[in-house]
Amino acid sequence: MSVPAVITTVIDVDPDRPRRRISNGALLVHIRAVHTESKGEYGWPRVWKKLLAQRIRVSKDRIQRLMKLHGIKARMRLAAQLFGRQREAGEDEEEWRMLALTKPVRH
């Protein structure tokens, strides 16, 4: 019994879309390159978008997990400029953001 042509067409792999999985180590090299290129200003959402633009297709969760695991995160300089307040020593980052968002900026 031969296999119908419809079934063979459906299960054929499209040669234009190779489905290779990139290793975490190789992906980390790409993440660090994008992060360095942005001078540390990109967090995981922008790094993920930049990698997609470079045709490196990986999940958002994987980018977020690897960046967190390796301590790669966006700098807070812009936020400090917007909120008009630097983070004080010993102040929790989340607490700082909440205070910065709720306190009025003095010019």
C-alpha atoms as a PDB file:
ATOM      1  CA  MET A   1       0.000   0.000   0.000  1.00  0.00           C
ATOM      2  CA  SER A   2       1.463   3.371  -0.991  1.00  0.00           C
ATOM      3  CA  VAL A   3       1.182   6.593   0.979  1.00  0.00           C
ATOM      4  CA  PRO A   4      -1.067   9.232  -0.640  1.00  0.00           C
ATOM      5  CA  ALA A   5       0.673  12.324  -2.038  1.00  0.00           C
ATOM      6  CA  VAL A   6      -1.367  14.618   0.254  1.00  0.00           C
ATOM      7  CA  ILE A   7       0.102  13.054   3.397  1.00  0.00           C
ATOM      8  CA  THR A   8       3.694  13.236   2.128  1.00  0.00           C
ATOM      9  CA  THR A   9       3.208  16.895   1.262  1.00  0.00           C
ATOM     10  CA  VAL A  10       1.838  17.700   4.708  1.00  0.00           C
ATOM     11  CA  ILE A  11       4.679  16.036   6.604  1.00  0.00           C
ATOM     12  CA  ASP A  12       7.488  17.362   4.397  1.00  0.00           C
ATOM     13  CA  VAL A  13       9.687  19.921   6.136  1.00  0.00           C
ATOM     14  CA  ASP A  14       9.937  23.295   4.465  1.00  0.00           C
ATOM     15  CA  PRO A  15      13.639  23.771   3.528  1.00  0.00           C
ATOM     16  CA  ASP A  16      13.343  27.558   3.947  1.00  0.00           C
ATOM     17  CA  ARG A  17      12.503  27.160   7.650  1.00  0.00           C
ATOM     18  CA  PRO A  18      15.115  25.004   9.317  1.00  0.00           C
ATOM     19  CA  ARG A  19      14.063  24.132  12.858  1.00  0.00           C
ATOM     20  CA  ARG A  20      17.364  24.101  14.694  1.00  0.00           C
ATOM     21  CA  ARG A  21      17.440  24.732  18.403  1.00  0.00           C
ATOM     22  CA  ILE A  22      20.118  27.161  19.533  1.00  0.00           C
ATOM     23  CA  SER A  23      21.963  26.159  22.705  1.00  0.00           C
ATOM     24  CA  ASN A  24      21.695  28.308  25.828  1.00  0.00           C
ATOM     25  CA  GLY A  25      25.406  29.124  25.579  1.00  0.00           C
ATOM     26  CA  ALA A  26      25.137  30.310  21.978  1.00  0.00           C
ATOM     27  CA  LEU A  27      21.972  32.250  22.765  1.00  0.00           C
ATOM     28  CA  LEU A  28      23.683  33.905  25.718  1.00  0.00           C
ATOM     29  CA  VAL A  29      26.453  35.139  23.390  1.00  0.00           C
ATOM     30  CA  HIS A  30      23.800  36.785  21.191  1.00  0.00           C
ATOM     31  CA  ILE A  31      21.982  38.250  24.208  1.00  0.00           C
ATOM     32  CA  ARG A  32      25.200  39.774  25.557  1.00  0.00           C
ATOM     33  CA  ALA A  33      26.088  41.187  22.143  1.00  0.00           C
ATOM     34  CA  VAL A  34      22.707  42.931  21.813  1.00  0.00           C
ATOM     35  CA  HIS A  35      22.831  44.129  25.424  1.00  0.00           C
ATOM     36  CA  THR A  36      26.372  45.502  24.979  1.00  0.00           C
ATOM     37  CA  GLU A  37      25.475  47.112  21.665  1.00  0.00           C
ATOM     38  CA  SER A  38      22.664  48.971  23.441  1.00  0.00           C
ATOM     39  CA  LYS A  39      25.149  50.102  26.126  1.00  0.00           C
ATOM     40  CA  GLY A  40      23.148  48.191  28.709  1.00  0.00           C
ATOM     41  CA  GLU A  41      19.917  50.078  28.075  1.00  0.00           C
ATOM     42  CA  TYR A  42      17.929  47.132  26.703  1.00  0.00           C
ATOM     43  CA  GLY A  43      16.020  44.796  28.982  1.00  0.00           C
ATOM     44  CA  TRP A  44      14.640  41.435  27.896  1.00  0.00           C
ATOM     45  CA  PRO A  45      11.741  42.759  25.746  1.00  0.00           C
ATOM     46  CA  ARG A  46      13.986  44.845  23.491  1.00  0.00           C
ATOM     47  CA  VAL A  47      16.715  42.193  23.411  1.00  0.00           C
ATOM     48  CA  TRP A  48      14.088  39.650  22.331  1.00  0.00           C
ATOM     49  CA  LYS A  49      12.793  41.959  19.566  1.00  0.00           C
ATOM     50  CA  LYS A  50      16.326  42.636  18.350  1.00  0.00           C
ATOM     51  CA  LEU A  51      17.069  38.903  18.208  1.00  0.00           C
ATOM     52  CA  LEU A  52      13.865  38.318  16.232  1.00  0.00           C
ATOM     53  CA  ALA A  53      15.016  40.995  13.785  1.00  0.00           C
ATOM     54  CA  GLN A  54      18.262  39.037  13.445  1.00  0.00           C
ATOM     55  CA  ARG A  55      16.197  35.910  12.663  1.00  0.00           C
ATOM     56  CA  ILE A  56      17.018  34.237  15.978  1.00  0.00           C
ATOM     57  CA  ARG A  57      13.641  32.825  16.973  1.00  0.00           C
ATOM     58  CA  VAL A  58      13.382  31.995  20.661  1.00  0.00           C
ATOM     59  CA  SER A  59      10.685  32.477  23.265  1.00  0.00           C
ATOM     60  CA  LYS A  60      10.372  35.570  25.427  1.00  0.00           C
ATOM     61  CA  ASP A  61      10.468  33.385  28.523  1.00  0.00           C
ATOM     62  CA  ARG A  62      13.787  31.861  27.533  1.00  0.00           C
ATOM     63  CA  ILE A  63      15.391  35.282  26.971  1.00  0.00           C
ATOM     64  CA  GLN A  64      13.999  36.554  30.270  1.00  0.00           C
ATOM     65  CA  ARG A  65      15.176  33.466  32.173  1.00  0.00           C
ATOM     66  CA  LEU A  66      18.719  33.530  30.738  1.00  0.00           C
ATOM     67  CA  MET A  67      19.114  37.256  31.342  1.00  0.00           C
ATOM     68  CA  LYS A  68      17.920  36.921  34.933  1.00  0.00           C
ATOM     69  CA  LEU A  69      20.112  33.871  35.555  1.00  0.00           C
ATOM     70  CA  HIS A  70      23.221  35.701  34.317  1.00  0.00           C
ATOM     71  CA  GLY A  71      22.428  39.081  35.902  1.00  0.00           C
ATOM     72  CA  ILE A  72      21.890  40.897  32.615  1.00  0.00           C
ATOM     73  CA  LYS A  73      19.406  43.753  32.988  1.00  0.00           C
ATOM     74  CA  ALA A  74      18.716  47.225  31.723  1.00  0.00           C
ATOM     75  CA  ARG A  75      20.390  50.176  33.383  1.00  0.00           C
ATOM     76  CA  MET A  76      18.223  52.435  35.517  1.00  0.00           C
ATOM     77  CA  ARG A  77      19.838  55.715  34.448  1.00  0.00           C
ATOM     78  CA  LEU A  78      16.952  56.802  32.254  1.00  0.00           C
ATOM     79  CA  ALA A  79      14.433  56.086  34.997  1.00  0.00           C
ATOM     80  CA  ALA A  80      16.454  58.167  37.451  1.00  0.00           C
ATOM     81  CA  GLN A  81      16.454  61.065  34.994  1.00  0.00           C
ATOM     82  CA  LEU A  82      12.721  60.769  34.388  1.00  0.00           C
ATOM     83  CA  PHE A  83      11.838  60.536  38.053  1.00  0.00           C
ATOM     84  CA  GLY A  84      14.364  63.142  39.193  1.00  0.00           C
ATOM     85  CA  ARG A  85      15.674  60.929  41.980  1.00  0.00           C
ATOM     86  CA  GLN A  86      18.623  58.558  42.418  1.00  0.00           C
ATOM     87  CA  ARG A  87      18.295  55.282  44.259  1.00  0.00           C
ATOM     88  CA  GLU A  88      19.762  55.454  47.746  1.00  0.00           C
ATOM     89  CA  ALA A  89      22.121  52.844  49.201  1.00  0.00           C
ATOM     90  CA  GLY A  90      20.214  49.926  50.695  1.00  0.00           C
ATOM     91  CA  GLU A  91      16.955  50.939  49.056  1.00  0.00           C
ATOM     92  CA  ASP A  92      15.135  48.076  47.346  1.00  0.00           C
ATOM     93  CA  GLU A  93      14.725  48.537  43.573  1.00  0.00           C
ATOM     94  CA  GLU A  94      10.969  47.970  43.627  1.00  0.00           C
ATOM     95  CA  GLU A  95      10.573  50.321  46.588  1.00  0.00           C
ATOM     96  CA  TRP A  96      12.627  52.952  44.735  1.00  0.00           C
ATOM     97  CA  ARG A  97      10.398  52.707  41.668  1.00  0.00           C
ATOM     98  CA  MET A  98       7.257  53.095  43.757  1.00  0.00           C
ATOM     99  CA  LEU A  99       8.670  56.116  45.599  1.00  0.00           C
ATOM    100  CA  ALA A 100       9.949  57.638  42.370  1.00  0.00           C
ATOM    101  CA  LEU A 101       6.533  57.257  40.739  1.00  0.00           C
ATOM    102  CA  THR A 102       4.537  58.646  43.662  1.00  0.00           C
ATOM    103  CA  LYS A 103       6.718  61.565  44.790  1.00  0.00           C
ATOM    104  CA  PRO A 104       6.455  64.793  42.781  1.00  0.00           C
ATOM    105  CA  VAL A 105       9.537  65.843  40.817  1.00  0.00           C
ATOM    106  CA  ARG A 106      11.171  69.075  41.981  1.00  0.00           C
ATOM    107  CA  HIS A 107      12.855  71.138  39.282  1.00  0.00           C
END
